[in-house]
Amino acid sequence: MQAYVTSDVGMTREINEDYFSVSYPGDEVQLFIIADGMGGYNGGEVASKLAVQSVRNYILSNYEETDKSRESLLKLVKASVQYANMIV
């Protein structure tokens, strides 16, 4: 599988607030995570980076405890987003 990511600051912002994380080939868990910035709020780029890192860390820390079923993986992703929301 090949993955490509691109992001653009757009026409109204001076700083690109988007952040992403893509797993390396061969990683046990393949994650493709992107967070949009916060539309010009102070620290939007920090918030999106923290959100992506929190989701990634949560999933990687809890992946082995799941039974790898679709339902369990969906619960893990949902929990990771809730965790990131709490952190941000």
PDB file of N, CA and C in Angstrom:
ATOM      1  N   MET A   1       0.846  -1.166   0.000  1.00  0.00           N
ATOM      2  CA  MET A   1       0.000   0.000   0.000  1.00  0.00           C
ATOM      3  C   MET A   1       0.896   1.235   0.000  1.00  0.00           C
ATOM      4  N   GLN A   2       0.513   2.220  -0.774  1.00  0.00           N
ATOM      5  CA  GLN A   2       1.209   3.494  -0.782  1.00  0.00           C
ATOM      6  C   GLN A   2       0.255   4.553  -0.260  1.00  0.00           C
ATOM      7  N   ALA A   3       0.798   5.487   0.487  1.00  0.00           N
ATOM      8  CA  ALA A   3      -0.017   6.575   1.021  1.00  0.00           C
ATOM      9  C   ALA A   3       0.700   7.890   0.775  1.00  0.00           C
ATOM     10  N   TYR A   4      -0.069   8.891   0.441  1.00  0.00           N
ATOM     11  CA  TYR A   4       0.470  10.225   0.218  1.00  0.00           C
ATOM     12  C   TYR A   4      -0.375  11.210   0.999  1.00  0.00           C
ATOM     13  N   VAL A   5       0.261  12.222   1.521  1.00  0.00           N
ATOM     14  CA  VAL A   5      -0.451  13.244   2.279  1.00  0.00           C
ATOM     15  C   VAL A   5       0.009  14.603   1.776  1.00  0.00           C
ATOM     16  N   THR A   6      -0.940  15.491   1.624  1.00  0.00           N
ATOM     17  CA  THR A   6      -0.599  16.866   1.293  1.00  0.00           C
ATOM     18  C   THR A   6      -1.510  17.779   2.097  1.00  0.00           C
ATOM     19  N   SER A   7      -1.027  18.940   2.397  1.00  0.00           N
ATOM     20  CA  SER A   7      -1.804  19.893   3.166  1.00  0.00           C
ATOM     21  C   SER A   7      -1.456  21.284   2.656  1.00  0.00           C
ATOM     22  N   ASP A   8      -2.394  22.182   2.753  1.00  0.00           N
ATOM     23  CA  ASP A   8      -2.188  23.527   2.234  1.00  0.00           C
ATOM     24  C   ASP A   8      -2.678  24.536   3.252  1.00  0.00           C
ATOM     25  N   VAL A   9      -1.942  25.603   3.414  1.00  0.00           N
ATOM     26  CA  VAL A   9      -2.302  26.637   4.374  1.00  0.00           C
ATOM     27  C   VAL A   9      -3.580  27.369   3.962  1.00  0.00           C
ATOM     28  N   GLY A  10      -3.903  27.343   2.693  1.00  0.00           N
ATOM     29  CA  GLY A  10      -5.097  28.033   2.222  1.00  0.00           C
ATOM     30  C   GLY A  10      -4.816  29.501   1.942  1.00  0.00           C
ATOM     31  N   MET A  11      -5.875  30.241   1.686  1.00  0.00           N
ATOM     32  CA  MET A  11      -5.703  31.634   1.273  1.00  0.00           C
ATOM     33  C   MET A  11      -5.880  32.628   2.410  1.00  0.00           C
ATOM     34  N   THR A  12      -6.376  32.187   3.575  1.00  0.00           N
ATOM     35  CA  THR A  12      -6.653  33.144   4.643  1.00  0.00           C
ATOM     36  C   THR A  12      -5.736  33.005   5.852  1.00  0.00           C
ATOM     37  N   ARG A  13      -5.019  31.914   5.978  1.00  0.00           N
ATOM     38  CA  ARG A  13      -4.167  31.687   7.149  1.00  0.00           C
ATOM     39  C   ARG A  13      -2.697  31.904   6.804  1.00  0.00           C
ATOM     40  N   GLU A  14      -1.929  32.265   7.809  1.00  0.00           N
ATOM     41  CA  GLU A  14      -0.482  32.389   7.632  1.00  0.00           C
ATOM     42  C   GLU A  14       0.236  31.120   8.066  1.00  0.00           C
ATOM     43  N   ILE A  15      -0.400  30.352   8.934  1.00  0.00           N
ATOM     44  CA  ILE A  15       0.201  29.131   9.471  1.00  0.00           C
ATOM     45  C   ILE A  15      -0.702  27.953   9.122  1.00  0.00           C
ATOM     46  N   ASN A  16      -0.106  26.879   8.652  1.00  0.00           N
ATOM     47  CA  ASN A  16      -0.860  25.659   8.389  1.00  0.00           C
ATOM     48  C   ASN A  16      -1.103  24.956   9.721  1.00  0.00           C
ATOM     49  N   GLU A  17      -2.357  24.837  10.099  1.00  0.00           N
ATOM     50  CA  GLU A  17      -2.707  24.242  11.387  1.00  0.00           C
ATOM     51  C   GLU A  17      -3.017  22.755  11.293  1.00  0.00           C
ATOM     52  N   ASP A  18      -2.960  22.185  10.110  1.00  0.00           N
ATOM     53  CA  ASP A  18      -3.233  20.758   9.935  1.00  0.00           C
ATOM     54  C   ASP A  18      -2.054  19.936  10.450  1.00  0.00           C
ATOM     55  N   TYR A  19      -2.345  18.709  10.855  1.00  0.00           N
ATOM     56  CA  TYR A  19      -1.287  17.804  11.301  1.00  0.00           C
ATOM     57  C   TYR A  19      -1.697  16.386  10.929  1.00  0.00           C
ATOM     58  N   PHE A  20      -0.717  15.560  10.623  1.00  0.00           N
ATOM     59  CA  PHE A  20      -1.021  14.191  10.227  1.00  0.00           C
ATOM     60  C   PHE A  20       0.053  13.240  10.715  1.00  0.00           C
ATOM     61  N   SER A  21      -0.301  11.965  10.706  1.00  0.00           N
ATOM     62  CA  SER A  21       0.635  10.894  11.038  1.00  0.00           C
ATOM     63  C   SER A  21       0.311   9.712  10.133  1.00  0.00           C
ATOM     64  N   VAL A  22       1.339   9.161   9.518  1.00  0.00           N
ATOM     65  CA  VAL A  22       1.192   7.995   8.654  1.00  0.00           C
ATOM     66  C   VAL A  22       2.168   6.936   9.135  1.00  0.00           C
ATOM     67  N   SER A  23       1.687   5.716   9.312  1.00  0.00           N
ATOM     68  CA  SER A  23       2.550   4.617   9.750  1.00  0.00           C
ATOM     69  C   SER A  23       3.573   4.279   8.676  1.00  0.00           C
ATOM     70  N   TYR A  24       4.665   3.701   9.118  1.00  0.00           N
ATOM     71  CA  TYR A  24       5.694   3.217   8.201  1.00  0.00           C
ATOM     72  C   TYR A  24       5.312   1.837   7.681  1.00  0.00           C
ATOM     73  N   PRO A  25       5.712   1.515   6.458  1.00  0.00           N
ATOM     74  CA  PRO A  25       5.495   0.145   5.969  1.00  0.00           C
ATOM     75  C   PRO A  25       6.143  -0.844   6.936  1.00  0.00           C
ATOM     76  N   GLY A  26       5.446  -1.902   7.225  1.00  0.00           N
ATOM     77  CA  GLY A  26       5.980  -2.903   8.138  1.00  0.00           C
ATOM     78  C   GLY A  26       5.561  -2.714   9.584  1.00  0.00           C
ATOM     79  N   ASP A  27       5.016  -1.538   9.935  1.00  0.00           N
ATOM     80  CA  ASP A  27       4.510  -1.356  11.293  1.00  0.00           C
ATOM     81  C   ASP A  27       3.355  -2.322  11.522  1.00  0.00           C
ATOM     82  N   GLU A  28       3.267  -2.865  12.722  1.00  0.00           N
ATOM     83  CA  GLU A  28       2.193  -3.822  13.020  1.00  0.00           C
ATOM     84  C   GLU A  28       0.816  -3.185  12.866  1.00  0.00           C
ATOM     85  N   VAL A  29       0.685  -1.966  13.336  1.00  0.00           N
ATOM     86  CA  VAL A  29      -0.582  -1.246  13.263  1.00  0.00           C
ATOM     87  C   VAL A  29      -0.434  -0.150  12.208  1.00  0.00           C
ATOM     88  N   GLN A  30      -1.279  -0.194  11.202  1.00  0.00           N
ATOM     89  CA  GLN A  30      -1.231   0.810  10.142  1.00  0.00           C
ATOM     90  C   GLN A  30      -2.243   1.911  10.457  1.00  0.00           C
ATOM     91  N   LEU A  31      -1.740   3.094  10.747  1.00  0.00           N
ATOM     92  CA  LEU A  31      -2.591   4.225  11.093  1.00  0.00           C
ATOM     93  C   LEU A  31      -2.378   5.365  10.107  1.00  0.00           C
ATOM     94  N   PHE A  32      -3.462   5.986   9.722  1.00  0.00           N
ATOM     95  CA  PHE A  32      -3.444   7.163   8.872  1.00  0.00           C
ATOM     96  C   PHE A  32      -4.348   8.180   9.558  1.00  0.00           C
ATOM     97  N   ILE A  33      -3.761   9.161  10.200  1.00  0.00           N
ATOM     98  CA  ILE A  33      -4.514  10.084  11.044  1.00  0.00           C
ATOM     99  C   ILE A  33      -4.275  11.504  10.552  1.00  0.00           C
ATOM    100  N   ILE A  34      -5.345  12.285  10.453  1.00  0.00           N
ATOM    101  CA  ILE A  34      -5.213  13.693  10.089  1.00  0.00           C
ATOM    102  C   ILE A  34      -6.148  14.513  10.966  1.00  0.00           C
ATOM    103  N   ALA A  35      -5.668  15.684  11.360  1.00  0.00           N
ATOM    104  CA  ALA A  35      -6.494  16.609  12.136  1.00  0.00           C
ATOM    105  C   ALA A  35      -6.460  17.968  11.453  1.00  0.00           C
ATOM    106  N   ASP A  36      -7.615  18.518  11.250  1.00  0.00           N
ATOM    107  CA  ASP A  36      -7.737  19.851  10.682  1.00  0.00           C
ATOM    108  C   ASP A  36      -7.464  20.858  11.793  1.00  0.00           C
ATOM    109  N   GLY A  37      -6.919  21.995  11.434  1.00  0.00           N
ATOM    110  CA  GLY A  37      -6.665  23.045  12.421  1.00  0.00           C
ATOM    111  C   GLY A  37      -7.964  23.597  12.989  1.00  0.00           C
ATOM    112  N   MET A  38      -7.843  24.608  13.820  1.00  0.00           N
ATOM    113  CA  MET A  38      -9.003  25.155  14.523  1.00  0.00           C
ATOM    114  C   MET A  38      -9.449  26.503  13.967  1.00  0.00           C
ATOM    115  N   GLY A  39      -9.210  26.738  12.708  1.00  0.00           N
ATOM    116  CA  GLY A  39      -9.747  27.929  12.062  1.00  0.00           C
ATOM    117  C   GLY A  39      -9.246  29.248  12.606  1.00  0.00           C
ATOM    118  N   GLY A  40      -7.986  29.334  12.946  1.00  0.00           N
ATOM    119  CA  GLY A  40      -7.412  30.601  13.356  1.00  0.00           C
ATOM    120  C   GLY A  40      -7.391  30.851  14.848  1.00  0.00           C
ATOM    121  N   TYR A  41      -7.920  29.931  15.643  1.00  0.00           N
ATOM    122  CA  TYR A  41      -7.816  30.096  17.090  1.00  0.00           C
ATOM    123  C   TYR A  41      -6.350  30.027  17.492  1.00  0.00           C
ATOM    124  N   ASN A  42      -5.998  30.727  18.547  1.00  0.00           N
ATOM    125  CA  ASN A  42      -4.620  30.667  19.028  1.00  0.00           C
ATOM    126  C   ASN A  42      -4.249  29.234  19.365  1.00  0.00           C
ATOM    127  N   GLY A  43      -3.111  28.795  18.868  1.00  0.00           N
ATOM    128  CA  GLY A  43      -2.637  27.451  19.176  1.00  0.00           C
ATOM    129  C   GLY A  43      -3.299  26.356  18.376  1.00  0.00           C
ATOM    130  N   GLY A  44      -3.957  26.693  17.279  1.00  0.00           N
ATOM    131  CA  GLY A  44      -4.633  25.680  16.471  1.00  0.00           C
ATOM    132  C   GLY A  44      -3.694  24.608  15.970  1.00  0.00           C
ATOM    133  N   GLU A  45      -2.469  25.007  15.604  1.00  0.00           N
ATOM    134  CA  GLU A  45      -1.497  24.026  15.121  1.00  0.00           C
ATOM    135  C   GLU A  45      -1.029  23.112  16.248  1.00  0.00           C
ATOM    136  N   VAL A  46      -0.989  23.626  17.462  1.00  0.00           N
ATOM    137  CA  VAL A  46      -0.613  22.808  18.621  1.00  0.00           C
ATOM    138  C   VAL A  46      -1.730  21.819  18.934  1.00  0.00           C
ATOM    139  N   ALA A  47      -2.966  22.276  18.854  1.00  0.00           N
ATOM    140  CA  ALA A  47      -4.113  21.415  19.151  1.00  0.00           C
ATOM    141  C   ALA A  47      -4.210  20.258  18.165  1.00  0.00           C
ATOM    142  N   SER A  48      -4.027  20.529  16.876  1.00  0.00           N
ATOM    143  CA  SER A  48      -4.139  19.448  15.892  1.00  0.00           C
ATOM    144  C   SER A  48      -2.995  18.451  16.047  1.00  0.00           C
ATOM    145  N   LYS A  49      -1.802  18.936  16.341  1.00  0.00           N
ATOM    146  CA  LYS A  49      -0.661  18.033  16.565  1.00  0.00           C
ATOM    147  C   LYS A  49      -0.904  17.170  17.796  1.00  0.00           C
ATOM    148  N   LEU A  50      -1.364  17.787  18.872  1.00  0.00           N
ATOM    149  CA  LEU A  50      -1.630  17.056  20.108  1.00  0.00           C
ATOM    150  C   LEU A  50      -2.744  16.028  19.908  1.00  0.00           C
ATOM    151  N   ALA A  51      -3.757  16.380  19.138  1.00  0.00           N
ATOM    152  CA  ALA A  51      -4.854  15.445  18.866  1.00  0.00           C
ATOM    153  C   ALA A  51      -4.349  14.216  18.117  1.00  0.00           C
ATOM    154  N   VAL A  52      -3.564  14.433  17.066  1.00  0.00           N
ATOM    155  CA  VAL A  52      -3.035  13.308  16.284  1.00  0.00           C
ATOM    156  C   VAL A  52      -2.126  12.442  17.139  1.00  0.00           C
ATOM    157  N   GLN A  53      -1.240  13.057  17.886  1.00  0.00           N
ATOM    158  CA  GLN A  53      -0.322  12.287  18.725  1.00  0.00           C
ATOM    159  C   GLN A  53      -1.072  11.511  19.804  1.00  0.00           C
ATOM    160  N   SER A  54      -2.115  12.111  20.364  1.00  0.00           N
ATOM    161  CA  SER A  54      -2.895  11.442  21.408  1.00  0.00           C
ATOM    162  C   SER A  54      -3.637  10.231  20.854  1.00  0.00           C
ATOM    163  N   VAL A  55      -4.258  10.382  19.692  1.00  0.00           N
ATOM    164  CA  VAL A  55      -4.957   9.256  19.058  1.00  0.00           C
ATOM    165  C   VAL A  55      -3.972   8.135  18.771  1.00  0.00           C
ATOM    166  N   ARG A  56      -2.858   8.475  18.158  1.00  0.00           N
ATOM    167  CA  ARG A  56      -1.844   7.476  17.798  1.00  0.00           C
ATOM    168  C   ARG A  56      -1.328   6.745  19.036  1.00  0.00           C
ATOM    169  N   ASN A  57      -0.945   7.491  20.055  1.00  0.00           N
ATOM    170  CA  ASN A  57      -0.398   6.877  21.268  1.00  0.00           C
ATOM    171  C   ASN A  57      -1.421   5.990  21.968  1.00  0.00           C
ATOM    172  N   TYR A  58      -2.673   6.449  22.015  1.00  0.00           N
ATOM    173  CA  TYR A  58      -3.720   5.663  22.669  1.00  0.00           C
ATOM    174  C   TYR A  58      -3.927   4.337  21.949  1.00  0.00           C
ATOM    175  N   ILE A  59      -4.033   4.400  20.633  1.00  0.00           N
ATOM    176  CA  ILE A  59      -4.251   3.170  19.865  1.00  0.00           C
ATOM    177  C   ILE A  59      -3.072   2.219  20.025  1.00  0.00           C
ATOM    178  N   LEU A  60      -1.866   2.731  19.873  1.00  0.00           N
ATOM    179  CA  LEU A  60      -0.692   1.861  19.979  1.00  0.00           C
ATOM    180  C   LEU A  60      -0.539   1.269  21.379  1.00  0.00           C
ATOM    181  N   SER A  61      -0.939   2.014  22.396  1.00  0.00           N
ATOM    182  CA  SER A  61      -0.827   1.530  23.775  1.00  0.00           C
ATOM    183  C   SER A  61      -1.880   0.484  24.122  1.00  0.00           C
ATOM    184  N   ASN A  62      -3.007   0.497  23.412  1.00  0.00           N
ATOM    185  CA  ASN A  62      -4.121  -0.389  23.760  1.00  0.00           C
ATOM    186  C   ASN A  62      -4.431  -1.450  22.709  1.00  0.00           C
ATOM    187  N   TYR A  63      -3.730  -1.444  21.610  1.00  0.00           N
ATOM    188  CA  TYR A  63      -4.013  -2.349  20.494  1.00  0.00           C
ATOM    189  C   TYR A  63      -3.893  -3.815  20.890  1.00  0.00           C
ATOM    190  N   GLU A  64      -2.866  -4.170  21.609  1.00  0.00           N
ATOM    191  CA  GLU A  64      -2.626  -5.574  21.970  1.00  0.00           C
ATOM    192  C   GLU A  64      -3.735  -6.146  22.846  1.00  0.00           C
ATOM    193  N   GLU A  65      -4.451  -5.289  23.557  1.00  0.00           N
ATOM    194  CA  GLU A  65      -5.512  -5.745  24.457  1.00  0.00           C
ATOM    195  C   GLU A  65      -6.817  -6.046  23.719  1.00  0.00           C
ATOM    196  N   THR A  66      -6.917  -5.669  22.446  1.00  0.00           N
ATOM    197  CA  THR A  66      -8.146  -5.926  21.691  1.00  0.00           C
ATOM    198  C   THR A  66      -8.100  -7.319  21.077  1.00  0.00           C
ATOM    199  N   ASP A  67      -9.273  -7.828  20.729  1.00  0.00           N
ATOM    200  CA  ASP A  67      -9.322  -9.142  20.069  1.00  0.00           C
ATOM    201  C   ASP A  67      -9.232  -9.009  18.547  1.00  0.00           C
ATOM    202  N   LYS A  68      -9.006  -7.808  18.057  1.00  0.00           N
ATOM    203  CA  LYS A  68      -8.794  -7.486  16.637  1.00  0.00           C
ATOM    204  C   LYS A  68     -10.053  -7.644  15.784  1.00  0.00           C
ATOM    205  N   SER A  69     -11.201  -7.837  16.423  1.00  0.00           N
ATOM    206  CA  SER A  69     -12.450  -7.882  15.660  1.00  0.00           C
ATOM    207  C   SER A  69     -12.796  -6.465  15.198  1.00  0.00           C
ATOM    208  N   ARG A  70     -13.623  -6.381  14.186  1.00  0.00           N
ATOM    209  CA  ARG A  70     -14.028  -5.070  13.669  1.00  0.00           C
ATOM    210  C   ARG A  70     -14.640  -4.227  14.779  1.00  0.00           C
ATOM    211  N   GLU A  71     -15.521  -4.836  15.569  1.00  0.00           N
ATOM    212  CA  GLU A  71     -16.196  -4.118  16.652  1.00  0.00           C
ATOM    213  C   GLU A  71     -15.197  -3.597  17.681  1.00  0.00           C
ATOM    214  N   SER A  72     -14.243  -4.425  18.064  1.00  0.00           N
ATOM    215  CA  SER A  72     -13.242  -4.011  19.051  1.00  0.00           C
ATOM    216  C   SER A  72     -12.353  -2.894  18.517  1.00  0.00           C
ATOM    217  N   LEU A  73     -11.994  -2.984  17.252  1.00  0.00           N
ATOM    218  CA  LEU A  73     -11.148  -1.945  16.659  1.00  0.00           C
ATOM    219  C   LEU A  73     -11.893  -0.624  16.538  1.00  0.00           C
ATOM    220  N   LEU A  74     -13.183  -0.687  16.202  1.00  0.00           N
ATOM    221  CA  LEU A  74     -13.981   0.538  16.148  1.00  0.00           C
ATOM    222  C   LEU A  74     -14.110   1.168  17.532  1.00  0.00           C
ATOM    223  N   LYS A  75     -14.286   0.345  18.550  1.00  0.00           N
ATOM    224  CA  LYS A  75     -14.346   0.860  19.926  1.00  0.00           C
ATOM    225  C   LYS A  75     -13.022   1.505  20.314  1.00  0.00           C
ATOM    226  N   LEU A  76     -11.925   0.896  19.897  1.00  0.00           N
ATOM    227  CA  LEU A  76     -10.601   1.438  20.196  1.00  0.00           C
ATOM    228  C   LEU A  76     -10.411   2.804  19.536  1.00  0.00           C
ATOM    229  N   VAL A  77     -10.819   2.918  18.289  1.00  0.00           N
ATOM    230  CA  VAL A  77     -10.698   4.199  17.590  1.00  0.00           C
ATOM    231  C   VAL A  77     -11.571   5.252  18.266  1.00  0.00           C
ATOM    232  N   LYS A  78     -12.801   4.891  18.604  1.00  0.00           N
ATOM    233  CA  LYS A  78     -13.696   5.835  19.277  1.00  0.00           C
ATOM    234  C   LYS A  78     -13.106   6.278  20.613  1.00  0.00           C
ATOM    235  N   ALA A  79     -12.593   5.351  21.373  1.00  0.00           N
ATOM    236  CA  ALA A  79     -11.989   5.689  22.665  1.00  0.00           C
ATOM    237  C   ALA A  79     -10.770   6.584  22.478  1.00  0.00           C
ATOM    238  N   SER A  80     -10.010   6.355  21.416  1.00  0.00           N
ATOM    239  CA  SER A  80      -8.817   7.174  21.175  1.00  0.00           C
ATOM    240  C   SER A  80      -9.194   8.619  20.856  1.00  0.00           C
ATOM    241  N   VAL A  81     -10.278   8.804  20.124  1.00  0.00           N
ATOM    242  CA  VAL A  81     -10.732  10.158  19.802  1.00  0.00           C
ATOM    243  C   VAL A  81     -11.264  10.848  21.057  1.00  0.00           C
ATOM    244  N   GLN A  82     -11.988  10.114  21.887  1.00  0.00           N
ATOM    245  CA  GLN A  82     -12.474  10.681  23.147  1.00  0.00           C
ATOM    246  C   GLN A  82     -11.304  11.069  24.048  1.00  0.00           C
ATOM    247  N   TYR A  83     -10.286  10.229  24.078  1.00  0.00           N
ATOM    248  CA  TYR A  83      -9.086  10.521  24.861  1.00  0.00           C
ATOM    249  C   TYR A  83      -8.407  11.790  24.334  1.00  0.00           C
ATOM    250  N   ALA A  84      -8.241  11.872  23.025  1.00  0.00           N
ATOM    251  CA  ALA A  84      -7.601  13.048  22.429  1.00  0.00           C
ATOM    252  C   ALA A  84      -8.407  14.308  22.715  1.00  0.00           C
ATOM    253  N   ASN A  85      -9.726  14.205  22.655  1.00  0.00           N
ATOM    254  CA  ASN A  85     -10.578  15.353  22.947  1.00  0.00           C
ATOM    255  C   ASN A  85     -10.369  15.831  24.377  1.00  0.00           C
ATOM    256  N   MET A  86     -10.215  14.904  25.293  1.00  0.00           N
ATOM    257  CA  MET A  86      -9.967  15.250  26.692  1.00  0.00           C
ATOM    258  C   MET A  86      -8.598  15.927  26.847  1.00  0.00           C
ATOM    259  N   ILE A  87      -7.597  15.435  26.130  1.00  0.00           N
ATOM    260  CA  ILE A  87      -6.246  15.978  26.220  1.00  0.00           C
ATOM    261  C   ILE A  87      -6.171  17.385  25.635  1.00  0.00           C
ATOM    262  N   VAL A  88      -6.800  17.556  24.481  1.00  0.00           N
ATOM    263  CA  VAL A  88      -6.729  18.852  23.798  1.00  0.00           C
ATOM    264  C   VAL A  88      -7.567  19.871  24.538  1.00  0.00           C
TER     265      VAL A  88
END
